[in-house]
Amino acid sequence: MVLPKKQAKRSVTRSLIRHQAREALRRHAPALQAQGQVGADVDGWVLRLRAPFDKQQFPSAASEALKALVRQELDELWRRLTSPASEGGRSRKESSGKPLSAARGAA
């Protein structure tokens, strides 16, 4: 995981993201293996925080609202990964070029 201090200044926030990402991996990776999209030899995934969290919206470094947003974005990324390769004639690579929400971007 790449969680730069520039994007998440407080260690509490980086830790929250790290914990949520590990939990999302535990929840969603078995579905990918069951679909045959990845083999058993895949040890992990790359997650990179691309945009900071709005301090005005999330004044607490480990608030329940922040935890819910992180979980929601991670679940959306996993949903994209497990969805069929072509959606409306576009490949997964082409359709994933924009951020998930206006407030945040994730990779």
PDB file of N, CA and C in Angstrom:
ATOM      1  N   MET A   1       0.837  -1.172   0.000  1.00  0.00           N
ATOM      2  CA  MET A   1       0.000   0.000   0.000  1.00  0.00           C
ATOM      3  C   MET A   1       0.880   1.232   0.000  1.00  0.00           C
ATOM      4  N   VAL A   2       0.482   2.197  -0.771  1.00  0.00           N
ATOM      5  CA  VAL A   2       1.202   3.458  -0.820  1.00  0.00           C
ATOM      6  C   VAL A   2       0.259   4.523  -0.261  1.00  0.00           C
ATOM      7  N   LEU A   3       0.555   4.954   0.953  1.00  0.00           N
ATOM      8  CA  LEU A   3      -0.263   5.943   1.643  1.00  0.00           C
ATOM      9  C   LEU A   3       0.639   7.105   2.048  1.00  0.00           C
ATOM     10  N   PRO A   4       0.900   8.037   1.128  1.00  0.00           N
ATOM     11  CA  PRO A   4       1.842   9.112   1.409  1.00  0.00           C
ATOM     12  C   PRO A   4       1.334  10.096   2.450  1.00  0.00           C
ATOM     13  N   LYS A   5       2.279  10.631   3.210  1.00  0.00           N
ATOM     14  CA  LYS A   5       1.932  11.625   4.220  1.00  0.00           C
ATOM     15  C   LYS A   5       1.351  12.880   3.589  1.00  0.00           C
ATOM     16  N   LYS A   6       1.702  13.125   2.352  1.00  0.00           N
ATOM     17  CA  LYS A   6       1.164  14.300   1.654  1.00  0.00           C
ATOM     18  C   LYS A   6      -0.359  14.192   1.494  1.00  0.00           C
ATOM     19  N   GLN A   7      -0.861  12.982   1.285  1.00  0.00           N
ATOM     20  CA  GLN A   7      -2.293  12.764   1.072  1.00  0.00           C
ATOM     21  C   GLN A   7      -3.046  12.502   2.370  1.00  0.00           C
ATOM     22  N   ALA A   8      -2.404  11.831   3.320  1.00  0.00           N
ATOM     23  CA  ALA A   8      -3.027  11.524   4.616  1.00  0.00           C
ATOM     24  C   ALA A   8      -1.991  11.855   5.688  1.00  0.00           C
ATOM     25  N   LYS A   9      -2.034  13.063   6.175  1.00  0.00           N
ATOM     26  CA  LYS A   9      -0.988  13.570   7.064  1.00  0.00           C
ATOM     27  C   LYS A   9      -0.915  12.864   8.408  1.00  0.00           C
ATOM     28  N   ARG A  10      -2.042  12.462   8.960  1.00  0.00           N
ATOM     29  CA  ARG A  10      -2.052  11.841  10.288  1.00  0.00           C
ATOM     30  C   ARG A  10      -1.872  10.330  10.192  1.00  0.00           C
ATOM     31  N   SER A  11      -1.032   9.806  11.059  1.00  0.00           N
ATOM     32  CA  SER A  11      -0.784   8.361  11.046  1.00  0.00           C
ATOM     33  C   SER A  11      -2.055   7.581  11.381  1.00  0.00           C
ATOM     34  N   VAL A  12      -2.935   8.188  12.165  1.00  0.00           N
ATOM     35  CA  VAL A  12      -4.202   7.530  12.513  1.00  0.00           C
ATOM     36  C   VAL A  12      -5.026   7.291  11.249  1.00  0.00           C
ATOM     37  N   THR A  13      -5.045   8.272  10.357  1.00  0.00           N
ATOM     38  CA  THR A  13      -5.797   8.144   9.105  1.00  0.00           C
ATOM     39  C   THR A  13      -5.158   7.087   8.214  1.00  0.00           C
ATOM     40  N   ARG A  14      -3.838   7.110   8.081  1.00  0.00           N
ATOM     41  CA  ARG A  14      -3.160   6.099   7.267  1.00  0.00           C
ATOM     42  C   ARG A  14      -3.407   4.704   7.821  1.00  0.00           C
ATOM     43  N   SER A  15      -3.399   4.582   9.121  1.00  0.00           N
ATOM     44  CA  SER A  15      -3.658   3.292   9.755  1.00  0.00           C
ATOM     45  C   SER A  15      -5.089   2.832   9.479  1.00  0.00           C
ATOM     46  N   LEU A  16      -6.041   3.744   9.559  1.00  0.00           N
ATOM     47  CA  LEU A  16      -7.441   3.418   9.271  1.00  0.00           C
ATOM     48  C   LEU A  16      -7.575   2.898   7.847  1.00  0.00           C
ATOM     49  N   ILE A  17      -6.942   3.576   6.901  1.00  0.00           N
ATOM     50  CA  ILE A  17      -7.004   3.156   5.502  1.00  0.00           C
ATOM     51  C   ILE A  17      -6.357   1.785   5.337  1.00  0.00           C
ATOM     52  N   ARG A  18      -5.221   1.589   5.962  1.00  0.00           N
ATOM     53  CA  ARG A  18      -4.516   0.311   5.892  1.00  0.00           C
ATOM     54  C   ARG A  18      -5.403  -0.830   6.418  1.00  0.00           C
ATOM     55  N   HIS A  19      -6.025  -0.619   7.554  1.00  0.00           N
ATOM     56  CA  HIS A  19      -6.897  -1.652   8.135  1.00  0.00           C
ATOM     57  C   HIS A  19      -8.097  -1.940   7.235  1.00  0.00           C
ATOM     58  N   GLN A  20      -8.708  -0.893   6.697  1.00  0.00           N
ATOM     59  CA  GLN A  20      -9.859  -1.080   5.812  1.00  0.00           C
ATOM     60  C   GLN A  20      -9.450  -1.812   4.531  1.00  0.00           C
ATOM     61  N   ALA A  21      -8.272  -1.497   4.001  1.00  0.00           N
ATOM     62  CA  ALA A  21      -7.802  -2.154   2.778  1.00  0.00           C
ATOM     63  C   ALA A  21      -7.539  -3.635   3.013  1.00  0.00           C
ATOM     64  N   ARG A  22      -6.929  -3.962   4.134  1.00  0.00           N
ATOM     65  CA  ARG A  22      -6.680  -5.381   4.443  1.00  0.00           C
ATOM     66  C   ARG A  22      -7.988  -6.145   4.614  1.00  0.00           C
ATOM     67  N   GLU A  23      -8.949  -5.530   5.264  1.00  0.00           N
ATOM     68  CA  GLU A  23     -10.248  -6.175   5.440  1.00  0.00           C
ATOM     69  C   GLU A  23     -10.951  -6.366   4.097  1.00  0.00           C
ATOM     70  N   ALA A  24     -10.860  -5.366   3.224  1.00  0.00           N
ATOM     71  CA  ALA A  24     -11.468  -5.482   1.888  1.00  0.00           C
ATOM     72  C   ALA A  24     -10.811  -6.612   1.107  1.00  0.00           C
ATOM     73  N   LEU A  25      -9.504  -6.753   1.229  1.00  0.00           N
ATOM     74  CA  LEU A  25      -8.803  -7.844   0.563  1.00  0.00           C
ATOM     75  C   LEU A  25      -9.312  -9.189   1.074  1.00  0.00           C
ATOM     76  N   ARG A  26      -9.467  -9.318   2.379  1.00  0.00           N
ATOM     77  CA  ARG A  26      -9.986 -10.576   2.954  1.00  0.00           C
ATOM     78  C   ARG A  26     -11.401 -10.869   2.462  1.00  0.00           C
ATOM     79  N   ARG A  27     -12.215  -9.813   2.305  1.00  0.00           N
ATOM     80  CA  ARG A  27     -13.603 -10.017   1.873  1.00  0.00           C
ATOM     81  C   ARG A  27     -13.728 -10.345   0.395  1.00  0.00           C
ATOM     82  N   HIS A  28     -12.935  -9.711  -0.463  1.00  0.00           N
ATOM     83  CA  HIS A  28     -13.180  -9.776  -1.903  1.00  0.00           C
ATOM     84  C   HIS A  28     -12.239 -10.672  -2.704  1.00  0.00           C
ATOM     85  N   ALA A  29     -11.028 -10.911  -2.246  1.00  0.00           N
ATOM     86  CA  ALA A  29     -10.076 -11.713  -3.019  1.00  0.00           C
ATOM     87  C   ALA A  29     -10.569 -13.132  -3.300  1.00  0.00           C
ATOM     88  N   PRO A  30     -11.234 -13.797  -2.351  1.00  0.00           N
ATOM     89  CA  PRO A  30     -11.722 -15.153  -2.669  1.00  0.00           C
ATOM     90  C   PRO A  30     -12.700 -15.183  -3.851  1.00  0.00           C
ATOM     91  N   ALA A  31     -13.475 -14.130  -4.028  1.00  0.00           N
ATOM     92  CA  ALA A  31     -14.408 -14.086  -5.161  1.00  0.00           C
ATOM     93  C   ALA A  31     -13.643 -14.035  -6.484  1.00  0.00           C
ATOM     94  N   LEU A  32     -12.547 -13.293  -6.529  1.00  0.00           N
ATOM     95  CA  LEU A  32     -11.733 -13.239  -7.747  1.00  0.00           C
ATOM     96  C   LEU A  32     -11.110 -14.595  -8.045  1.00  0.00           C
ATOM     97  N   GLN A  33     -10.635 -15.265  -7.020  1.00  0.00           N
ATOM     98  CA  GLN A  33     -10.055 -16.587  -7.227  1.00  0.00           C
ATOM     99  C   GLN A  33     -11.124 -17.572  -7.684  1.00  0.00           C
ATOM    100  N   ALA A  34     -12.316 -17.477  -7.129  1.00  0.00           N
ATOM    101  CA  ALA A  34     -13.406 -18.373  -7.524  1.00  0.00           C
ATOM    102  C   ALA A  34     -13.808 -18.154  -8.978  1.00  0.00           C
ATOM    103  N   GLN A  35     -13.708 -16.897  -9.451  1.00  0.00           N
ATOM    104  CA  GLN A  35     -14.039 -16.591 -10.843  1.00  0.00           C
ATOM    105  C   GLN A  35     -12.923 -16.993 -11.795  1.00  0.00           C
ATOM    106  N   GLY A  36     -11.768 -17.326 -11.244  1.00  0.00           N
ATOM    107  CA  GLY A  36     -10.638 -17.701 -12.074  1.00  0.00           C
ATOM    108  C   GLY A  36      -9.890 -16.521 -12.656  1.00  0.00           C
ATOM    109  N   GLN A  37     -10.149 -15.308 -12.146  1.00  0.00           N
ATOM    110  CA  GLN A  37      -9.474 -14.124 -12.673  1.00  0.00           C
ATOM    111  C   GLN A  37      -8.040 -14.028 -12.193  1.00  0.00           C
ATOM    112  N   VAL A  38      -7.739 -14.604 -11.047  1.00  0.00           N
ATOM    113  CA  VAL A  38      -6.369 -14.633 -10.529  1.00  0.00           C
ATOM    114  C   VAL A  38      -6.082 -16.035 -10.030  1.00  0.00           C
ATOM    115  N   GLY A  39      -4.815 -16.396 -10.052  1.00  0.00           N
ATOM    116  CA  GLY A  39      -4.418 -17.705  -9.561  1.00  0.00           C
ATOM    117  C   GLY A  39      -4.103 -17.654  -8.084  1.00  0.00           C
ATOM    118  N   ALA A  40      -3.815 -18.797  -7.543  1.00  0.00           N
ATOM    119  CA  ALA A  40      -3.497 -18.898  -6.117  1.00  0.00           C
ATOM    120  C   ALA A  40      -2.138 -18.286  -5.793  1.00  0.00           C
ATOM    121  N   ASP A  41      -1.327 -18.010  -6.830  1.00  0.00           N
ATOM    122  CA  ASP A  41       0.006 -17.474  -6.599  1.00  0.00           C
ATOM    123  C   ASP A  41       0.031 -15.957  -6.370  1.00  0.00           C
ATOM    124  N   VAL A  42      -1.103 -15.276  -6.452  1.00  0.00           N
ATOM    125  CA  VAL A  42      -1.154 -13.832  -6.214  1.00  0.00           C
ATOM    126  C   VAL A  42      -1.148 -13.586  -4.710  1.00  0.00           C
ATOM    127  N   ASP A  43      -0.118 -12.880  -4.245  1.00  0.00           N
ATOM    128  CA  ASP A  43       0.038 -12.625  -2.809  1.00  0.00           C
ATOM    129  C   ASP A  43      -0.686 -11.379  -2.340  1.00  0.00           C
ATOM    130  N   GLY A  44      -0.840 -10.413  -3.207  1.00  0.00           N
ATOM    131  CA  GLY A  44      -1.434  -9.163  -2.769  1.00  0.00           C
ATOM    132  C   GLY A  44      -1.797  -8.273  -3.931  1.00  0.00           C
ATOM    133  N   TRP A  45      -2.163  -7.059  -3.596  1.00  0.00           N
ATOM    134  CA  TRP A  45      -2.631  -6.076  -4.559  1.00  0.00           C
ATOM    135  C   TRP A  45      -1.948  -4.752  -4.260  1.00  0.00           C
ATOM    136  N   VAL A  46      -1.955  -3.863  -5.218  1.00  0.00           N
ATOM    137  CA  VAL A  46      -1.374  -2.535  -5.025  1.00  0.00           C
ATOM    138  C   VAL A  46      -2.512  -1.545  -4.836  1.00  0.00           C
ATOM    139  N   LEU A  47      -2.425  -0.777  -3.773  1.00  0.00           N
ATOM    140  CA  LEU A  47      -3.405   0.268  -3.490  1.00  0.00           C
ATOM    141  C   LEU A  47      -2.638   1.556  -3.299  1.00  0.00           C
ATOM    142  N   ARG A  48      -3.022   2.594  -4.034  1.00  0.00           N
ATOM    143  CA  ARG A  48      -2.333   3.869  -3.951  1.00  0.00           C
ATOM    144  C   ARG A  48      -3.342   4.977  -3.703  1.00  0.00           C
ATOM    145  N   LEU A  49      -3.121   5.730  -2.652  1.00  0.00           N
ATOM    146  CA  LEU A  49      -3.964   6.877  -2.336  1.00  0.00           C
ATOM    147  C   LEU A  49      -3.545   8.015  -3.256  1.00  0.00           C
ATOM    148  N   ARG A  50      -4.499   8.519  -4.069  1.00  0.00           N
ATOM    149  CA  ARG A  50      -4.162   9.535  -5.056  1.00  0.00           C
ATOM    150  C   ARG A  50      -4.587  10.945  -4.672  1.00  0.00           C
ATOM    151  N   ALA A  51      -5.503  11.070  -3.749  1.00  0.00           N
ATOM    152  CA  ALA A  51      -6.002  12.396  -3.396  1.00  0.00           C
ATOM    153  C   ALA A  51      -6.223  12.469  -1.890  1.00  0.00           C
ATOM    154  N   PRO A  52      -6.021  13.636  -1.312  1.00  0.00           N
ATOM    155  CA  PRO A  52      -6.202  13.763   0.144  1.00  0.00           C
ATOM    156  C   PRO A  52      -7.675  13.750   0.538  1.00  0.00           C
ATOM    157  N   PHE A  53      -7.899  13.475   1.809  1.00  0.00           N
ATOM    158  CA  PHE A  53      -9.240  13.565   2.358  1.00  0.00           C
ATOM    159  C   PHE A  53      -9.480  15.004   2.785  1.00  0.00           C
ATOM    160  N   ASP A  54     -10.676  15.490   2.589  1.00  0.00           N
ATOM    161  CA  ASP A  54     -11.031  16.859   2.952  1.00  0.00           C
ATOM    162  C   ASP A  54     -11.111  16.980   4.473  1.00  0.00           C
ATOM    163  N   LYS A  55     -10.222  17.775   5.055  1.00  0.00           N
ATOM    164  CA  LYS A  55     -10.201  17.932   6.514  1.00  0.00           C
ATOM    165  C   LYS A  55     -11.453  18.629   7.033  1.00  0.00           C
ATOM    166  N   GLN A  56     -12.092  19.429   6.211  1.00  0.00           N
ATOM    167  CA  GLN A  56     -13.329  20.095   6.626  1.00  0.00           C
ATOM    168  C   GLN A  56     -14.462  19.078   6.742  1.00  0.00           C
ATOM    169  N   GLN A  57     -14.475  18.121   5.825  1.00  0.00           N
ATOM    170  CA  GLN A  57     -15.515  17.097   5.839  1.00  0.00           C
ATOM    171  C   GLN A  57     -15.249  16.037   6.905  1.00  0.00           C
ATOM    172  N   PHE A  58     -13.964  15.746   7.173  1.00  0.00           N
ATOM    173  CA  PHE A  58     -13.577  14.722   8.137  1.00  0.00           C
ATOM    174  C   PHE A  58     -12.578  15.305   9.134  1.00  0.00           C
ATOM    175  N   PRO A  59     -13.041  16.109  10.091  1.00  0.00           N
ATOM    176  CA  PRO A  59     -12.096  16.723  11.043  1.00  0.00           C
ATOM    177  C   PRO A  59     -11.407  15.700  11.945  1.00  0.00           C
ATOM    178  N   SER A  60     -12.076  14.602  12.239  1.00  0.00           N
ATOM    179  CA  SER A  60     -11.469  13.550  13.054  1.00  0.00           C
ATOM    180  C   SER A  60     -10.669  12.624  12.147  1.00  0.00           C
ATOM    181  N   ALA A  61      -9.471  12.277  12.574  1.00  0.00           N
ATOM    182  CA  ALA A  61      -8.587  11.448  11.760  1.00  0.00           C
ATOM    183  C   ALA A  61      -9.086  10.007  11.615  1.00  0.00           C
ATOM    184  N   ALA A  62      -9.948   9.576  12.517  1.00  0.00           N
ATOM    185  CA  ALA A  62     -10.444   8.193  12.474  1.00  0.00           C
ATOM    186  C   ALA A  62     -11.943   8.137  12.736  1.00  0.00           C
ATOM    187  N   SER A  63     -12.680   9.042  12.127  1.00  0.00           N
ATOM    188  CA  SER A  63     -14.123   9.093  12.361  1.00  0.00           C
ATOM    189  C   SER A  63     -14.835   7.923  11.681  1.00  0.00           C
ATOM    190  N   GLU A  64     -16.033   7.630  12.147  1.00  0.00           N
ATOM    191  CA  GLU A  64     -16.845   6.574  11.529  1.00  0.00           C
ATOM    192  C   GLU A  64     -17.219   6.956  10.094  1.00  0.00           C
ATOM    193  N   ALA A  65     -17.432   8.242   9.841  1.00  0.00           N
ATOM    194  CA  ALA A  65     -17.765   8.693   8.485  1.00  0.00           C
ATOM    195  C   ALA A  65     -16.608   8.436   7.526  1.00  0.00           C
ATOM    196  N   LEU A  66     -15.386   8.716   7.973  1.00  0.00           N
ATOM    197  CA  LEU A  66     -14.209   8.459   7.146  1.00  0.00           C
ATOM    198  C   LEU A  66     -14.049   6.960   6.906  1.00  0.00           C
ATOM    199  N   LYS A  67     -14.246   6.178   7.935  1.00  0.00           N
ATOM    200  CA  LYS A  67     -14.147   4.721   7.812  1.00  0.00           C
ATOM    201  C   LYS A  67     -15.175   4.203   6.797  1.00  0.00           C
ATOM    202  N   ALA A  68     -16.385   4.728   6.857  1.00  0.00           N
ATOM    203  CA  ALA A  68     -17.440   4.303   5.925  1.00  0.00           C
ATOM    204  C   ALA A  68     -17.098   4.698   4.491  1.00  0.00           C
ATOM    205  N   LEU A  69     -16.551   5.905   4.300  1.00  0.00           N
ATOM    206  CA  LEU A  69     -16.191   6.344   2.954  1.00  0.00           C
ATOM    207  C   LEU A  69     -15.073   5.480   2.378  1.00  0.00           C
ATOM    208  N   VAL A  70     -14.068   5.206   3.176  1.00  0.00           N
ATOM    209  CA  VAL A  70     -12.952   4.364   2.718  1.00  0.00           C
ATOM    210  C   VAL A  70     -13.471   2.977   2.349  1.00  0.00           C
ATOM    211  N   ARG A  71     -14.301   2.405   3.199  1.00  0.00           N
ATOM    212  CA  ARG A  71     -14.868   1.077   2.932  1.00  0.00           C
ATOM    213  C   ARG A  71     -15.686   1.100   1.641  1.00  0.00           C
ATOM    214  N   GLN A  72     -16.487   2.149   1.450  1.00  0.00           N
ATOM    215  CA  GLN A  72     -17.324   2.266   0.251  1.00  0.00           C
ATOM    216  C   GLN A  72     -16.456   2.354  -1.014  1.00  0.00           C
ATOM    217  N   GLU A  73     -15.414   3.168  -0.983  1.00  0.00           N
ATOM    218  CA  GLU A  73     -14.558   3.309  -2.157  1.00  0.00           C
ATOM    219  C   GLU A  73     -13.810   2.020  -2.457  1.00  0.00           C
ATOM    220  N   LEU A  74     -13.316   1.351  -1.425  1.00  0.00           N
ATOM    221  CA  LEU A  74     -12.630   0.078  -1.642  1.00  0.00           C
ATOM    222  C   LEU A  74     -13.585  -0.966  -2.212  1.00  0.00           C
ATOM    223  N   ASP A  75     -14.789  -1.033  -1.697  1.00  0.00           N
ATOM    224  CA  ASP A  75     -15.779  -1.984  -2.222  1.00  0.00           C
ATOM    225  C   ASP A  75     -16.103  -1.684  -3.681  1.00  0.00           C
ATOM    226  N   GLU A  76     -16.176  -0.403  -4.037  1.00  0.00           N
ATOM    227  CA  GLU A  76     -16.438  -0.018  -5.427  1.00  0.00           C
ATOM    228  C   GLU A  76     -15.280  -0.451  -6.327  1.00  0.00           C
ATOM    229  N   LEU A  77     -14.053  -0.271  -5.865  1.00  0.00           N
ATOM    230  CA  LEU A  77     -12.898  -0.713  -6.650  1.00  0.00           C
ATOM    231  C   LEU A  77     -12.907  -2.228  -6.850  1.00  0.00           C
ATOM    232  N   TRP A  78     -13.224  -2.970  -5.803  1.00  0.00           N
ATOM    233  CA  TRP A  78     -13.310  -4.426  -5.917  1.00  0.00           C
ATOM    234  C   TRP A  78     -14.457  -4.824  -6.831  1.00  0.00           C
ATOM    235  N   ARG A  79     -15.581  -4.094  -6.770  1.00  0.00           N
ATOM    236  CA  ARG A  79     -16.710  -4.394  -7.659  1.00  0.00           C
ATOM    237  C   ARG A  79     -16.291  -4.211  -9.114  1.00  0.00           C
ATOM    238  N   ARG A  80     -15.560  -3.154  -9.387  1.00  0.00           N
ATOM    239  CA  ARG A  80     -15.069  -2.924 -10.752  1.00  0.00           C
ATOM    240  C   ARG A  80     -14.152  -4.051 -11.198  1.00  0.00           C
ATOM    241  N   LEU A  81     -13.328  -4.520 -10.301  1.00  0.00           N
ATOM    242  CA  LEU A  81     -12.381  -5.575 -10.625  1.00  0.00           C
ATOM    243  C   LEU A  81     -13.087  -6.894 -10.913  1.00  0.00           C
ATOM    244  N   THR A  82     -14.172  -7.164 -10.213  1.00  0.00           N
ATOM    245  CA  THR A  82     -14.886  -8.429 -10.391  1.00  0.00           C
ATOM    246  C   THR A  82     -15.967  -8.363 -11.460  1.00  0.00           C
ATOM    247  N   SER A  83     -16.261  -7.171 -11.990  1.00  0.00           N
ATOM    248  CA  SER A  83     -17.288  -7.050 -13.029  1.00  0.00           C
ATOM    249  C   SER A  83     -16.738  -7.580 -14.351  1.00  0.00           C
ATOM    250  N   PRO A  84     -17.631  -7.916 -15.289  1.00  0.00           N
ATOM    251  CA  PRO A  84     -17.178  -8.414 -16.594  1.00  0.00           C
ATOM    252  C   PRO A  84     -16.251  -7.413 -17.276  1.00  0.00           C
ATOM    253  N   ALA A  85     -15.350  -7.920 -18.121  1.00  0.00           N
ATOM    254  CA  ALA A  85     -14.319  -7.084 -18.749  1.00  0.00           C
ATOM    255  C   ALA A  85     -14.898  -6.018 -19.659  1.00  0.00           C
ATOM    256  N   SER A  86     -15.989  -6.291 -20.327  1.00  0.00           N
ATOM    257  CA  SER A  86     -16.531  -5.266 -21.224  1.00  0.00           C
ATOM    258  C   SER A  86     -17.893  -4.814 -20.718  1.00  0.00           C
ATOM    259  N   GLU A  87     -17.983  -3.527 -20.489  1.00  0.00           N
ATOM    260  CA  GLU A  87     -19.246  -2.929 -20.063  1.00  0.00           C
ATOM    261  C   GLU A  87     -19.603  -1.868 -21.085  1.00  0.00           C
ATOM    262  N   GLY A  88     -20.595  -2.157 -21.925  1.00  0.00           N
ATOM    263  CA  GLY A  88     -20.998  -1.193 -22.936  1.00  0.00           C
ATOM    264  C   GLY A  88     -19.941  -0.995 -24.011  1.00  0.00           C
ATOM    265  N   GLY A  89     -19.150  -2.030 -24.292  1.00  0.00           N
ATOM    266  CA  GLY A  89     -18.162  -1.939 -25.350  1.00  0.00           C
ATOM    267  C   GLY A  89     -16.836  -1.338 -24.917  1.00  0.00           C
ATOM    268  N   ARG A  90     -16.704  -0.941 -23.677  1.00  0.00           N
ATOM    269  CA  ARG A  90     -15.454  -0.356 -23.199  1.00  0.00           C
ATOM    270  C   ARG A  90     -14.731  -1.372 -22.336  1.00  0.00           C
ATOM    271  N   SER A  91     -13.424  -1.391 -22.441  1.00  0.00           N
ATOM    272  CA  SER A  91     -12.662  -2.316 -21.614  1.00  0.00           C
ATOM    273  C   SER A  91     -12.572  -1.783 -20.198  1.00  0.00           C
ATOM    274  N   ARG A  92     -12.214  -2.644 -19.255  1.00  0.00           N
ATOM    275  CA  ARG A  92     -12.095  -2.259 -17.851  1.00  0.00           C
ATOM    276  C   ARG A  92     -11.050  -1.149 -17.700  1.00  0.00           C
ATOM    277  N   LYS A  93      -9.950  -1.245 -18.466  1.00  0.00           N
ATOM    278  CA  LYS A  93      -8.893  -0.245 -18.376  1.00  0.00           C
ATOM    279  C   LYS A  93      -9.417   1.133 -18.766  1.00  0.00           C
ATOM    280  N   GLU A  94     -10.194   1.207 -19.835  1.00  0.00           N
ATOM    281  CA  GLU A  94     -10.726   2.490 -20.300  1.00  0.00           C
ATOM    282  C   GLU A  94     -11.732   3.071 -19.336  1.00  0.00           C
ATOM    283  N   SER A  95     -12.545   2.230 -18.717  1.00  0.00           N
ATOM    284  CA  SER A  95     -13.616   2.734 -17.868  1.00  0.00           C
ATOM    285  C   SER A  95     -13.150   3.136 -16.485  1.00  0.00           C
ATOM    286  N   SER A  96     -11.928   2.742 -16.086  1.00  0.00           N
ATOM    287  CA  SER A  96     -11.488   3.036 -14.726  1.00  0.00           C
ATOM    288  C   SER A  96     -10.547   4.235 -14.650  1.00  0.00           C
ATOM    289  N   GLY A  97     -10.535   5.091 -15.663  1.00  0.00           N
ATOM    290  CA  GLY A  97      -9.610   6.200 -15.681  1.00  0.00           C
ATOM    291  C   GLY A  97     -10.010   7.402 -14.858  1.00  0.00           C
ATOM    292  N   LYS A  98     -11.231   7.432 -14.348  1.00  0.00           N
ATOM    293  CA  LYS A  98     -11.656   8.609 -13.593  1.00  0.00           C
ATOM    294  C   LYS A  98     -11.847   8.261 -12.126  1.00  0.00           C
ATOM    295  N   PRO A  99     -11.770   9.258 -11.228  1.00  0.00           N
ATOM    296  CA  PRO A  99     -11.946   8.989  -9.807  1.00  0.00           C
ATOM    297  C   PRO A  99     -13.334   8.469  -9.489  1.00  0.00           C
ATOM    298  N   LEU A 100     -13.451   7.781  -8.373  1.00  0.00           N
ATOM    299  CA  LEU A 100     -14.722   7.199  -7.960  1.00  0.00           C
ATOM    300  C   LEU A 100     -15.765   8.259  -7.636  1.00  0.00           C
ATOM    301  N   SER A 101     -15.364   9.289  -6.934  1.00  0.00           N
ATOM    302  CA  SER A 101     -16.320  10.327  -6.561  1.00  0.00           C
ATOM    303  C   SER A 101     -15.671  11.679  -6.758  1.00  0.00           C
ATOM    304  N   ALA A 102     -16.482  12.708  -6.710  1.00  0.00           N
ATOM    305  CA  ALA A 102     -15.959  14.052  -6.896  1.00  0.00           C
ATOM    306  C   ALA A 102     -15.039  14.456  -5.751  1.00  0.00           C
ATOM    307  N   ALA A 103     -15.301  13.948  -4.564  1.00  0.00           N
ATOM    308  CA  ALA A 103     -14.523  14.335  -3.393  1.00  0.00           C
ATOM    309  C   ALA A 103     -13.180  13.628  -3.317  1.00  0.00           C
ATOM    310  N   ARG A 104     -13.075  12.405  -3.863  1.00  0.00           N
ATOM    311  CA  ARG A 104     -11.877  11.609  -3.660  1.00  0.00           C
ATOM    312  C   ARG A 104     -11.502  10.873  -4.927  1.00  0.00           C
ATOM    313  N   GLY A 105     -10.279  10.496  -5.034  1.00  0.00           N
ATOM    314  CA  GLY A 105      -9.807   9.617  -6.090  1.00  0.00           C
ATOM    315  C   GLY A 105      -9.063   8.466  -5.467  1.00  0.00           C
ATOM    316  N   ALA A 106      -9.156   7.309  -6.047  1.00  0.00           N
ATOM    317  CA  ALA A 106      -8.456   6.142  -5.523  1.00  0.00           C
ATOM    318  C   ALA A 106      -7.944   5.322  -6.683  1.00  0.00           C
ATOM    319  N   ALA A 107      -6.988   4.506  -6.407  1.00  0.00           N
ATOM    320  CA  ALA A 107      -6.468   3.614  -7.439  1.00  0.00           C
ATOM    321  C   ALA A 107      -6.377   2.215  -6.875  1.00  0.00           C
TER     322      ALA A 107
END
